[in-house]
Amino acid sequence: MLLLCAPPSGAGDLAIIAVASPVLVAVAIQAKRPLLARFGAKTSYAIYAIHVPVLLIAKFVCEREHVPLPAPILATAVAVVVLAYLANRFYDGPARAWLSTVTLAAAPGQA
């Protein structure tokens, strides 16, 4: 998200990913707050699934409206996390619950 309105730099982007990802994993492993860890675990797939569309929309708005950094970075990060929470709460969670009842109901008949 730091590179939201900046032109891609190729090797620089790769270096940020190569360094930032292991650092984030190390920080998460050392986390003393299980609530935050649970939140991250529940929303991680939704963050993965929606971050690119949100980033593309934010980049388009930044370029069109000439929005200076750093405001769009924070706004985009917050939007991704909030949308991921909502997606998990109202879509993914209920869908998983429903699928588990459907597969559990179908399992005895197939045995």
PDB file of N, CA and C in Angstrom:
ATOM      1  N   MET A   1       0.809  -1.184   0.000  1.00  0.00           N
ATOM      2  CA  MET A   1       0.000   0.000   0.000  1.00  0.00           C
ATOM      3  C   MET A   1       0.857   1.254   0.000  1.00  0.00           C
ATOM      4  N   LEU A   2       2.100   1.124   0.453  1.00  0.00           N
ATOM      5  CA  LEU A   2       2.986   2.271   0.453  1.00  0.00           C
ATOM      6  C   LEU A   2       3.257   2.766  -0.958  1.00  0.00           C
ATOM      7  N   LEU A   3       3.126   1.895  -1.914  1.00  0.00           N
ATOM      8  CA  LEU A   3       3.422   2.253  -3.296  1.00  0.00           C
ATOM      9  C   LEU A   3       2.171   2.609  -4.076  1.00  0.00           C
ATOM     10  N   LEU A   4       1.112   2.963  -3.358  1.00  0.00           N
ATOM     11  CA  LEU A   4      -0.196   3.172  -3.958  1.00  0.00           C
ATOM     12  C   LEU A   4      -0.177   4.136  -5.132  1.00  0.00           C
ATOM     13  N   CYS A   5       0.358   5.310  -4.957  1.00  0.00           N
ATOM     14  CA  CYS A   5       0.340   6.307  -6.023  1.00  0.00           C
ATOM     15  C   CYS A   5       1.710   6.513  -6.647  1.00  0.00           C
ATOM     16  N   ALA A   6       2.640   5.662  -6.308  1.00  0.00           N
ATOM     17  CA  ALA A   6       3.983   5.768  -6.868  1.00  0.00           C
ATOM     18  C   ALA A   6       4.097   4.862  -8.088  1.00  0.00           C
ATOM     19  N   PRO A   7       4.926   5.231  -9.036  1.00  0.00           N
ATOM     20  CA  PRO A   7       5.117   4.348 -10.189  1.00  0.00           C
ATOM     21  C   PRO A   7       5.824   3.071  -9.767  1.00  0.00           C
ATOM     22  N   PRO A   8       5.507   1.945 -10.396  1.00  0.00           N
ATOM     23  CA  PRO A   8       6.156   0.691 -10.017  1.00  0.00           C
ATOM     24  C   PRO A   8       7.649   0.744 -10.309  1.00  0.00           C
ATOM     25  N   SER A   9       8.427   0.125  -9.408  1.00  0.00           N
ATOM     26  CA  SER A   9       9.872   0.164  -9.606  1.00  0.00           C
ATOM     27  C   SER A   9      10.461  -1.221  -9.831  1.00  0.00           C
ATOM     28  N   GLY A  10       9.649  -2.233  -9.905  1.00  0.00           N
ATOM     29  CA  GLY A  10      10.133  -3.583 -10.193  1.00  0.00           C
ATOM     30  C   GLY A  10      10.942  -4.175  -9.061  1.00  0.00           C
ATOM     31  N   ALA A  11      12.257  -4.018  -9.112  1.00  0.00           N
ATOM     32  CA  ALA A  11      13.140  -4.609  -8.108  1.00  0.00           C
ATOM     33  C   ALA A  11      12.868  -4.026  -6.729  1.00  0.00           C
ATOM     34  N   GLY A  12      12.541  -2.749  -6.660  1.00  0.00           N
ATOM     35  CA  GLY A  12      12.233  -2.128  -5.370  1.00  0.00           C
ATOM     36  C   GLY A  12      10.998  -2.738  -4.741  1.00  0.00           C
ATOM     37  N   ASP A  13       9.974  -2.951  -5.558  1.00  0.00           N
ATOM     38  CA  ASP A  13       8.756  -3.587  -5.059  1.00  0.00           C
ATOM     39  C   ASP A  13       9.056  -4.996  -4.558  1.00  0.00           C
ATOM     40  N   LEU A  14       9.836  -5.738  -5.313  1.00  0.00           N
ATOM     41  CA  LEU A  14      10.190  -7.098  -4.920  1.00  0.00           C
ATOM     42  C   LEU A  14      10.975  -7.098  -3.616  1.00  0.00           C
ATOM     43  N   ALA A  15      11.870  -6.133  -3.452  1.00  0.00           N
ATOM     44  CA  ALA A  15      12.655  -6.051  -2.214  1.00  0.00           C
ATOM     45  C   ALA A  15      11.759  -5.752  -1.020  1.00  0.00           C
ATOM     46  N   ILE A  16      10.795  -4.862  -1.202  1.00  0.00           N
ATOM     47  CA  ILE A  16       9.874  -4.548  -0.108  1.00  0.00           C
ATOM     48  C   ILE A  16       9.081  -5.790   0.283  1.00  0.00           C
ATOM     49  N   ILE A  17       8.603  -6.521  -0.711  1.00  0.00           N
ATOM     50  CA  ILE A  17       7.838  -7.734  -0.427  1.00  0.00           C
ATOM     51  C   ILE A  17       8.716  -8.774   0.247  1.00  0.00           C
ATOM     52  N   ALA A  18       9.939  -8.940  -0.235  1.00  0.00           N
ATOM     53  CA  ALA A  18      10.847  -9.945   0.325  1.00  0.00           C
ATOM     54  C   ALA A  18      11.236  -9.625   1.759  1.00  0.00           C
ATOM     55  N   VAL A  19      11.287  -8.354   2.109  1.00  0.00           N
ATOM     56  CA  VAL A  19      11.657  -7.970   3.474  1.00  0.00           C
ATOM     57  C   VAL A  19      10.423  -7.844   4.356  1.00  0.00           C
ATOM     58  N   ALA A  20       9.370  -7.207   3.850  1.00  0.00           N
ATOM     59  CA  ALA A  20       8.190  -6.932   4.672  1.00  0.00           C
ATOM     60  C   ALA A  20       7.447  -8.201   5.068  1.00  0.00           C
ATOM     61  N   SER A  21       7.309  -9.146   4.170  1.00  0.00           N
ATOM     62  CA  SER A  21       6.556 -10.365   4.489  1.00  0.00           C
ATOM     63  C   SER A  21       7.167 -11.142   5.642  1.00  0.00           C
ATOM     64  N   PRO A  22       8.451 -11.453   5.623  1.00  0.00           N
ATOM     65  CA  PRO A  22       9.025 -12.166   6.768  1.00  0.00           C
ATOM     66  C   PRO A  22       8.955 -11.370   8.069  1.00  0.00           C
ATOM     67  N   VAL A  23       9.105 -10.063   7.974  1.00  0.00           N
ATOM     68  CA  VAL A  23       9.017  -9.238   9.185  1.00  0.00           C
ATOM     69  C   VAL A  23       7.610  -9.300   9.761  1.00  0.00           C
ATOM     70  N   LEU A  24       6.594  -9.212   8.906  1.00  0.00           N
ATOM     71  CA  LEU A  24       5.213  -9.296   9.388  1.00  0.00           C
ATOM     72  C   LEU A  24       4.923 -10.655  10.010  1.00  0.00           C
ATOM     73  N   VAL A  25       5.424 -11.720   9.423  1.00  0.00           N
ATOM     74  CA  VAL A  25       5.226 -13.053   9.986  1.00  0.00           C
ATOM     75  C   VAL A  25       5.917 -13.156  11.340  1.00  0.00           C
ATOM     76  N   ALA A  26       7.132 -12.652  11.444  1.00  0.00           N
ATOM     77  CA  ALA A  26       7.863 -12.702  12.718  1.00  0.00           C
ATOM     78  C   ALA A  26       7.136 -11.912  13.798  1.00  0.00           C
ATOM     79  N   VAL A  27       6.613 -10.751  13.450  1.00  0.00           N
ATOM     80  CA  VAL A  27       5.865  -9.947  14.412  1.00  0.00           C
ATOM     81  C   VAL A  27       4.598 -10.681  14.841  1.00  0.00           C
ATOM     82  N   ALA A  28       3.902 -11.290  13.892  1.00  0.00           N
ATOM     83  CA  ALA A  28       2.674 -12.017  14.221  1.00  0.00           C
ATOM     84  C   ALA A  28       2.952 -13.200  15.140  1.00  0.00           C
ATOM     85  N   ILE A  29       4.053 -13.892  14.911  1.00  0.00           N
ATOM     86  CA  ILE A  29       4.406 -15.040  15.755  1.00  0.00           C
ATOM     87  C   ILE A  29       4.672 -14.589  17.188  1.00  0.00           C
ATOM     88  N   GLN A  30       5.289 -13.435  17.346  1.00  0.00           N
ATOM     89  CA  GLN A  30       5.643 -12.929  18.662  1.00  0.00           C
ATOM     90  C   GLN A  30       4.500 -12.173  19.341  1.00  0.00           C
ATOM     91  N   ALA A  31       3.360 -12.046  18.679  1.00  0.00           N
ATOM     92  CA  ALA A  31       2.252 -11.246  19.213  1.00  0.00           C
ATOM     93  C   ALA A  31       1.777 -11.782  20.553  1.00  0.00           C
ATOM     94  N   LYS A  32       1.568 -10.883  21.469  1.00  0.00           N
ATOM     95  CA  LYS A  32       1.086 -11.239  22.806  1.00  0.00           C
ATOM     96  C   LYS A  32      -0.419 -11.008  22.936  1.00  0.00           C
ATOM     97  N   ARG A  33      -1.043 -10.614  21.868  1.00  0.00           N
ATOM     98  CA  ARG A  33      -2.468 -10.312  21.896  1.00  0.00           C
ATOM     99  C   ARG A  33      -3.242 -11.330  21.062  1.00  0.00           C
ATOM    100  N   PRO A  34      -3.815 -12.335  21.712  1.00  0.00           N
ATOM    101  CA  PRO A  34      -4.520 -13.362  20.942  1.00  0.00           C
ATOM    102  C   PRO A  34      -5.731 -12.828  20.187  1.00  0.00           C
ATOM    103  N   LEU A  35      -6.365 -11.781  20.697  1.00  0.00           N
ATOM    104  CA  LEU A  35      -7.517 -11.213  20.000  1.00  0.00           C
ATOM    105  C   LEU A  35      -7.102 -10.674  18.637  1.00  0.00           C
ATOM    106  N   LEU A  36      -5.993  -9.962  18.601  1.00  0.00           N
ATOM    107  CA  LEU A  36      -5.489  -9.434  17.339  1.00  0.00           C
ATOM    108  C   LEU A  36      -5.076 -10.567  16.399  1.00  0.00           C
ATOM    109  N   ALA A  37      -4.464 -11.602  16.955  1.00  0.00           N
ATOM    110  CA  ALA A  37      -4.067 -12.755  16.136  1.00  0.00           C
ATOM    111  C   ALA A  37      -5.296 -13.454  15.559  1.00  0.00           C
ATOM    112  N   ARG A  38      -6.340 -13.625  16.368  1.00  0.00           N
ATOM    113  CA  ARG A  38      -7.576 -14.251  15.874  1.00  0.00           C
ATOM    114  C   ARG A  38      -8.213 -13.405  14.775  1.00  0.00           C
ATOM    115  N   PHE A  39      -8.230 -12.078  14.982  1.00  0.00           N
ATOM    116  CA  PHE A  39      -8.789 -11.188  13.964  1.00  0.00           C
ATOM    117  C   PHE A  39      -8.018 -11.332  12.661  1.00  0.00           C
ATOM    118  N   GLY A  40      -6.709 -11.356  12.760  1.00  0.00           N
ATOM    119  CA  GLY A  40      -5.877 -11.521  11.571  1.00  0.00           C
ATOM    120  C   GLY A  40      -6.112 -12.851  10.887  1.00  0.00           C
ATOM    121  N   ALA A  41      -6.264 -13.900  11.686  1.00  0.00           N
ATOM    122  CA  ALA A  41      -6.503 -15.224  11.113  1.00  0.00           C
ATOM    123  C   ALA A  41      -7.857 -15.288  10.403  1.00  0.00           C
ATOM    124  N   LYS A  42      -8.859 -14.657  10.981  1.00  0.00           N
ATOM    125  CA  LYS A  42     -10.194 -14.700  10.388  1.00  0.00           C
ATOM    126  C   LYS A  42     -10.324 -13.830   9.148  1.00  0.00           C
ATOM    127  N   THR A  43      -9.557 -12.750   9.080  1.00  0.00           N
ATOM    128  CA  THR A  43      -9.709 -11.823   7.961  1.00  0.00           C
ATOM    129  C   THR A  43      -8.616 -11.947   6.911  1.00  0.00           C
ATOM    130  N   SER A  44      -7.621 -12.792   7.134  1.00  0.00           N
ATOM    131  CA  SER A  44      -6.478 -12.827   6.222  1.00  0.00           C
ATOM    132  C   SER A  44      -6.869 -13.208   4.798  1.00  0.00           C
ATOM    133  N   TYR A  45      -7.747 -14.198   4.636  1.00  0.00           N
ATOM    134  CA  TYR A  45      -8.122 -14.569   3.275  1.00  0.00           C
ATOM    135  C   TYR A  45      -8.927 -13.457   2.606  1.00  0.00           C
ATOM    136  N   ALA A  46      -9.821 -12.839   3.357  1.00  0.00           N
ATOM    137  CA  ALA A  46     -10.609 -11.744   2.779  1.00  0.00           C
ATOM    138  C   ALA A  46      -9.707 -10.578   2.391  1.00  0.00           C
ATOM    139  N   ILE A  47      -8.707 -10.286   3.219  1.00  0.00           N
ATOM    140  CA  ILE A  47      -7.753  -9.228   2.865  1.00  0.00           C
ATOM    141  C   ILE A  47      -7.049  -9.595   1.565  1.00  0.00           C
ATOM    142  N   TYR A  48      -6.613 -10.829   1.481  1.00  0.00           N
ATOM    143  CA  TYR A  48      -5.948 -11.307   0.266  1.00  0.00           C
ATOM    144  C   TYR A  48      -6.877 -11.166  -0.950  1.00  0.00           C
ATOM    145  N   ALA A  49      -8.129 -11.533  -0.770  1.00  0.00           N
ATOM    146  CA  ALA A  49      -9.060 -11.555  -1.894  1.00  0.00           C
ATOM    147  C   ALA A  49      -9.458 -10.157  -2.375  1.00  0.00           C
ATOM    148  N   ILE A  50      -9.552  -9.194  -1.472  1.00  0.00           N
ATOM    149  CA  ILE A  50     -10.066  -7.882  -1.889  1.00  0.00           C
ATOM    150  C   ILE A  50      -9.016  -6.799  -2.010  1.00  0.00           C
ATOM    151  N   HIS A  51      -7.784  -7.047  -1.579  1.00  0.00           N
ATOM    152  CA  HIS A  51      -6.830  -5.936  -1.562  1.00  0.00           C
ATOM    153  C   HIS A  51      -6.494  -5.404  -2.954  1.00  0.00           C
ATOM    154  N   VAL A  52      -6.394  -6.258  -3.945  1.00  0.00           N
ATOM    155  CA  VAL A  52      -6.036  -5.775  -5.284  1.00  0.00           C
ATOM    156  C   VAL A  52      -7.137  -4.899  -5.881  1.00  0.00           C
ATOM    157  N   PRO A  53      -8.405  -5.316  -5.863  1.00  0.00           N
ATOM    158  CA  PRO A  53      -9.432  -4.408  -6.399  1.00  0.00           C
ATOM    159  C   PRO A  53      -9.491  -3.071  -5.652  1.00  0.00           C
ATOM    160  N   VAL A  54      -9.356  -3.109  -4.333  1.00  0.00           N
ATOM    161  CA  VAL A  54      -9.394  -1.865  -3.561  1.00  0.00           C
ATOM    162  C   VAL A  54      -8.192  -0.988  -3.921  1.00  0.00           C
ATOM    163  N   LEU A  55      -7.011  -1.602  -4.051  1.00  0.00           N
ATOM    164  CA  LEU A  55      -5.819  -0.834  -4.426  1.00  0.00           C
ATOM    165  C   LEU A  55      -5.962  -0.219  -5.820  1.00  0.00           C
ATOM    166  N   LEU A  56      -6.531  -0.973  -6.747  1.00  0.00           N
ATOM    167  CA  LEU A  56      -6.715  -0.442  -8.099  1.00  0.00           C
ATOM    168  C   LEU A  56      -7.688   0.734  -8.116  1.00  0.00           C
ATOM    169  N   ILE A  57      -8.760   0.622  -7.357  1.00  0.00           N
ATOM    170  CA  ILE A  57      -9.722   1.727  -7.269  1.00  0.00           C
ATOM    171  C   ILE A  57      -9.051   2.946  -6.635  1.00  0.00           C
ATOM    172  N   ALA A  58      -8.302   2.714  -5.550  1.00  0.00           N
ATOM    173  CA  ALA A  58      -7.622   3.822  -4.873  1.00  0.00           C
ATOM    174  C   ALA A  58      -6.585   4.466  -5.786  1.00  0.00           C
ATOM    175  N   LYS A  59      -5.849   3.656  -6.518  1.00  0.00           N
ATOM    176  CA  LYS A  59      -4.841   4.196  -7.448  1.00  0.00           C
ATOM    177  C   LYS A  59      -5.504   5.040  -8.534  1.00  0.00           C
ATOM    178  N   PHE A  60      -6.621   4.558  -9.063  1.00  0.00           N
ATOM    179  CA  PHE A  60      -7.364   5.305 -10.079  1.00  0.00           C
ATOM    180  C   PHE A  60      -7.812   6.657  -9.525  1.00  0.00           C
ATOM    181  N   VAL A  61      -8.364   6.648  -8.312  1.00  0.00           N
ATOM    182  CA  VAL A  61      -8.828   7.895  -7.697  1.00  0.00           C
ATOM    183  C   VAL A  61      -7.653   8.835  -7.438  1.00  0.00           C
ATOM    184  N   CYS A  62      -6.544   8.286  -6.945  1.00  0.00           N
ATOM    185  CA  CYS A  62      -5.347   9.108  -6.693  1.00  0.00           C
ATOM    186  C   CYS A  62      -4.872   9.801  -7.957  1.00  0.00           C
ATOM    187  N   GLU A  63      -4.802   9.049  -9.025  1.00  0.00           N
ATOM    188  CA  GLU A  63      -4.308   9.615 -10.281  1.00  0.00           C
ATOM    189  C   GLU A  63      -5.285  10.628 -10.867  1.00  0.00           C
ATOM    190  N   ARG A  64      -6.555  10.330 -10.799  1.00  0.00           N
ATOM    191  CA  ARG A  64      -7.561  11.221 -11.385  1.00  0.00           C
ATOM    192  C   ARG A  64      -7.704  12.522 -10.599  1.00  0.00           C
ATOM    193  N   GLU A  65      -7.685  12.403  -9.270  1.00  0.00           N
ATOM    194  CA  GLU A  65      -7.916  13.571  -8.423  1.00  0.00           C
ATOM    195  C   GLU A  65      -6.630  14.235  -7.944  1.00  0.00           C
ATOM    196  N   HIS A  66      -5.474  13.663  -8.318  1.00  0.00           N
ATOM    197  CA  HIS A  66      -4.170  14.197  -7.892  1.00  0.00           C
ATOM    198  C   HIS A  66      -4.086  14.317  -6.371  1.00  0.00           C
ATOM    199  N   VAL A  67      -4.442  13.240  -5.695  1.00  0.00           N
ATOM    200  CA  VAL A  67      -4.422  13.213  -4.229  1.00  0.00           C
ATOM    201  C   VAL A  67      -2.991  12.980  -3.767  1.00  0.00           C
ATOM    202  N   PRO A  68      -2.470  13.855  -2.893  1.00  0.00           N
ATOM    203  CA  PRO A  68      -1.102  13.678  -2.421  1.00  0.00           C
ATOM    204  C   PRO A  68      -1.021  12.587  -1.348  1.00  0.00           C
ATOM    205  N   LEU A  69       0.142  11.935  -1.303  1.00  0.00           N
ATOM    206  CA  LEU A  69       0.382  10.959  -0.244  1.00  0.00           C
ATOM    207  C   LEU A  69       0.562  11.709   1.063  1.00  0.00           C
ATOM    208  N   PRO A  70       0.376  11.156   2.208  1.00  0.00           N
ATOM    209  CA  PRO A  70       0.126   9.781   2.595  1.00  0.00           C
ATOM    210  C   PRO A  70      -1.336   9.464   2.869  1.00  0.00           C
ATOM    211  N   ALA A  71      -2.238  10.438   2.741  1.00  0.00           N
ATOM    212  CA  ALA A  71      -3.646  10.209   3.071  1.00  0.00           C
ATOM    213  C   ALA A  71      -4.241   8.981   2.392  1.00  0.00           C
ATOM    214  N   PRO A  72      -4.030   8.751   1.092  1.00  0.00           N
ATOM    215  CA  PRO A  72      -4.645   7.584   0.465  1.00  0.00           C
ATOM    216  C   PRO A  72      -4.099   6.255   0.981  1.00  0.00           C
ATOM    217  N   ILE A  73      -2.878   6.255   1.476  1.00  0.00           N
ATOM    218  CA  ILE A  73      -2.308   5.008   1.993  1.00  0.00           C
ATOM    219  C   ILE A  73      -3.081   4.557   3.221  1.00  0.00           C
ATOM    220  N   LEU A  74      -3.265   5.461   4.164  1.00  0.00           N
ATOM    221  CA  LEU A  74      -3.995   5.123   5.381  1.00  0.00           C
ATOM    222  C   LEU A  74      -5.448   4.791   5.065  1.00  0.00           C
ATOM    223  N   ALA A  75      -6.078   5.591   4.220  1.00  0.00           N
ATOM    224  CA  ALA A  75      -7.479   5.352   3.864  1.00  0.00           C
ATOM    225  C   ALA A  75      -7.658   3.999   3.185  1.00  0.00           C
ATOM    226  N   THR A  76      -6.744   3.640   2.317  1.00  0.00           N
ATOM    227  CA  THR A  76      -6.831   2.362   1.617  1.00  0.00           C
ATOM    228  C   THR A  76      -6.603   1.200   2.571  1.00  0.00           C
ATOM    229  N   ALA A  77      -5.642   1.325   3.460  1.00  0.00           N
ATOM    230  CA  ALA A  77      -5.386   0.265   4.438  1.00  0.00           C
ATOM    231  C   ALA A  77      -6.608   0.050   5.329  1.00  0.00           C
ATOM    232  N   VAL A  78      -7.192   1.131   5.791  1.00  0.00           N
ATOM    233  CA  VAL A  78      -8.386   1.024   6.637  1.00  0.00           C
ATOM    234  C   VAL A  78      -9.538   0.417   5.841  1.00  0.00           C
ATOM    235  N   ALA A  79      -9.720   0.853   4.597  1.00  0.00           N
ATOM    236  CA  ALA A  79     -10.802   0.313   3.765  1.00  0.00           C
ATOM    237  C   ALA A  79     -10.636  -1.186   3.546  1.00  0.00           C
ATOM    238  N   VAL A  80      -9.425  -1.639   3.278  1.00  0.00           N
ATOM    239  CA  VAL A  80      -9.184  -3.072   3.059  1.00  0.00           C
ATOM    240  C   VAL A  80      -9.522  -3.870   4.307  1.00  0.00           C
ATOM    241  N   VAL A  81      -9.076  -3.400   5.466  1.00  0.00           N
ATOM    242  CA  VAL A  81      -9.326  -4.134   6.714  1.00  0.00           C
ATOM    243  C   VAL A  81     -10.813  -4.142   7.044  1.00  0.00           C
ATOM    244  N   VAL A  82     -11.475  -3.002   6.904  1.00  0.00           N
ATOM    245  CA  VAL A  82     -12.914  -2.935   7.209  1.00  0.00           C
ATOM    246  C   VAL A  82     -13.711  -3.810   6.242  1.00  0.00           C
ATOM    247  N   LEU A  83     -13.414  -3.720   4.952  1.00  0.00           N
ATOM    248  CA  LEU A  83     -14.123  -4.560   3.976  1.00  0.00           C
ATOM    249  C   LEU A  83     -13.849  -6.046   4.211  1.00  0.00           C
ATOM    250  N   ALA A  84     -12.631  -6.385   4.600  1.00  0.00           N
ATOM    251  CA  ALA A  84     -12.311  -7.784   4.892  1.00  0.00           C
ATOM    252  C   ALA A  84     -13.100  -8.272   6.094  1.00  0.00           C
ATOM    253  N   TYR A  85     -13.199  -7.446   7.128  1.00  0.00           N
ATOM    254  CA  TYR A  85     -13.997  -7.824   8.303  1.00  0.00           C
ATOM    255  C   TYR A  85     -15.458  -8.042   7.907  1.00  0.00           C
ATOM    256  N   LEU A  86     -16.005  -7.103   7.149  1.00  0.00           N
ATOM    257  CA  LEU A  86     -17.409  -7.218   6.736  1.00  0.00           C
ATOM    258  C   LEU A  86     -17.630  -8.440   5.849  1.00  0.00           C
ATOM    259  N   ALA A  87     -16.702  -8.698   4.945  1.00  0.00           N
ATOM    260  CA  ALA A  87     -16.824  -9.875   4.085  1.00  0.00           C
ATOM    261  C   ALA A  87     -16.798 -11.156   4.906  1.00  0.00           C
ATOM    262  N   ASN A  88     -15.922 -11.215   5.895  1.00  0.00           N
ATOM    263  CA  ASN A  88     -15.850 -12.395   6.738  1.00  0.00           C
ATOM    264  C   ASN A  88     -17.099 -12.527   7.609  1.00  0.00           C
ATOM    265  N   ARG A  89     -17.543 -11.427   8.155  1.00  0.00           N
ATOM    266  CA  ARG A  89     -18.684 -11.443   9.085  1.00  0.00           C
ATOM    267  C   ARG A  89     -19.992 -11.793   8.392  1.00  0.00           C
ATOM    268  N   PHE A  90     -20.226 -11.211   7.222  1.00  0.00           N
ATOM    269  CA  PHE A  90     -21.533 -11.356   6.584  1.00  0.00           C
ATOM    270  C   PHE A  90     -21.562 -12.271   5.374  1.00  0.00           C
ATOM    271  N   TYR A  91     -20.423 -12.708   4.888  1.00  0.00           N
ATOM    272  CA  TYR A  91     -20.419 -13.600   3.727  1.00  0.00           C
ATOM    273  C   TYR A  91     -19.657 -14.893   4.014  1.00  0.00           C
ATOM    274  N   ASP A  92     -18.376 -14.781   4.261  1.00  0.00           N
ATOM    275  CA  ASP A  92     -17.540 -15.968   4.394  1.00  0.00           C
ATOM    276  C   ASP A  92     -17.920 -16.825   5.600  1.00  0.00           C
ATOM    277  N   GLY A  93     -18.103 -16.196   6.741  1.00  0.00           N
ATOM    278  CA  GLY A  93     -18.483 -16.943   7.948  1.00  0.00           C
ATOM    279  C   GLY A  93     -19.801 -17.694   7.768  1.00  0.00           C
ATOM    280  N   PRO A  94     -20.879 -16.997   7.375  1.00  0.00           N
ATOM    281  CA  PRO A  94     -22.142 -17.699   7.144  1.00  0.00           C
ATOM    282  C   PRO A  94     -22.047 -18.766   6.042  1.00  0.00           C
ATOM    283  N   ALA A  95     -21.285 -18.491   4.987  1.00  0.00           N
ATOM    284  CA  ALA A  95     -21.150 -19.480   3.912  1.00  0.00           C
ATOM    285  C   ALA A  95     -20.448 -20.739   4.420  1.00  0.00           C
ATOM    286  N   ARG A  96     -19.379 -20.559   5.217  1.00  0.00           N
ATOM    287  CA  ARG A  96     -18.696 -21.727   5.784  1.00  0.00           C
ATOM    288  C   ARG A  96     -19.603 -22.503   6.729  1.00  0.00           C
ATOM    289  N   ALA A  97     -20.384 -21.789   7.545  1.00  0.00           N
ATOM    290  CA  ALA A  97     -21.306 -22.462   8.470  1.00  0.00           C
ATOM    291  C   ALA A  97     -22.351 -23.267   7.697  1.00  0.00           C
ATOM    292  N   TRP A  98     -22.899 -22.673   6.646  1.00  0.00           N
ATOM    293  CA  TRP A  98     -23.899 -23.369   5.845  1.00  0.00           C
ATOM    294  C   TRP A  98     -23.279 -24.582   5.147  1.00  0.00           C
ATOM    295  N   LEU A  99     -22.100 -24.408   4.579  1.00  0.00           N
ATOM    296  CA  LEU A  99     -21.448 -25.526   3.899  1.00  0.00           C
ATOM    297  C   LEU A  99     -21.127 -26.661   4.853  1.00  0.00           C
ATOM    298  N   SER A 100     -20.764 -26.331   6.093  1.00  0.00           N
ATOM    299  CA  SER A 100     -20.473 -27.414   7.036  1.00  0.00           C
ATOM    300  C   SER A 100     -21.740 -28.173   7.392  1.00  0.00           C
ATOM    301  N   THR A 101     -22.889 -27.531   7.452  1.00  0.00           N
ATOM    302  CA  THR A 101     -24.129 -28.265   7.734  1.00  0.00           C
ATOM    303  C   THR A 101     -24.534 -29.120   6.537  1.00  0.00           C
ATOM    304  N   VAL A 102     -24.319 -28.603   5.336  1.00  0.00           N
ATOM    305  CA  VAL A 102     -24.671 -29.348   4.127  1.00  0.00           C
ATOM    306  C   VAL A 102     -23.766 -30.581   3.997  1.00  0.00           C
ATOM    307  N   THR A 103     -22.477 -30.408   4.203  1.00  0.00           N
ATOM    308  CA  THR A 103     -21.565 -31.555   4.051  1.00  0.00           C
ATOM    309  C   THR A 103     -21.734 -32.551   5.179  1.00  0.00           C
ATOM    310  N   LEU A 104     -22.034 -32.080   6.395  1.00  0.00           N
ATOM    311  CA  LEU A 104     -22.271 -33.018   7.489  1.00  0.00           C
ATOM    312  C   LEU A 104     -23.566 -33.791   7.288  1.00  0.00           C
ATOM    313  N   ALA A 105     -24.584 -33.129   6.731  1.00  0.00           N
ATOM    314  CA  ALA A 105     -25.850 -33.811   6.472  1.00  0.00           C
ATOM    315  C   ALA A 105     -25.701 -34.825   5.348  1.00  0.00           C
ATOM    316  N   ALA A 106     -24.848 -34.544   4.372  1.00  0.00           N
ATOM    317  CA  ALA A 106     -24.662 -35.443   3.240  1.00  0.00           C
ATOM    318  C   ALA A 106     -23.736 -36.613   3.582  1.00  0.00           C
ATOM    319  N   ALA A 107     -22.875 -36.459   4.536  1.00  0.00           N
ATOM    320  CA  ALA A 107     -21.878 -37.482   4.860  1.00  0.00           C
ATOM    321  C   ALA A 107     -22.474 -38.813   5.304  1.00  0.00           C
ATOM    322  N   PRO A 108     -23.472 -38.856   6.210  1.00  0.00           N
ATOM    323  CA  PRO A 108     -23.986 -40.166   6.631  1.00  0.00           C
ATOM    324  C   PRO A 108     -24.630 -40.971   5.497  1.00  0.00           C
ATOM    325  N   GLY A 109     -25.282 -40.297   4.556  1.00  0.00           N
ATOM    326  CA  GLY A 109     -25.913 -40.986   3.458  1.00  0.00           C
ATOM    327  C   GLY A 109     -24.920 -41.597   2.472  1.00  0.00           C
ATOM    328  N   GLN A 110     -23.728 -41.094   2.426  1.00  0.00           N
ATOM    329  CA  GLN A 110     -22.733 -41.572   1.503  1.00  0.00           C
ATOM    330  C   GLN A 110     -21.875 -42.663   2.098  1.00  0.00           C
ATOM    331  N   ALA A 111     -21.941 -42.881   3.383  1.00  0.00           N
ATOM    332  CA  ALA A 111     -21.073 -43.874   4.030  1.00  0.00           C
ATOM    333  C   ALA A 111     -21.517 -45.284   3.789  1.00  0.00           C
TER     334      ALA A 111
END
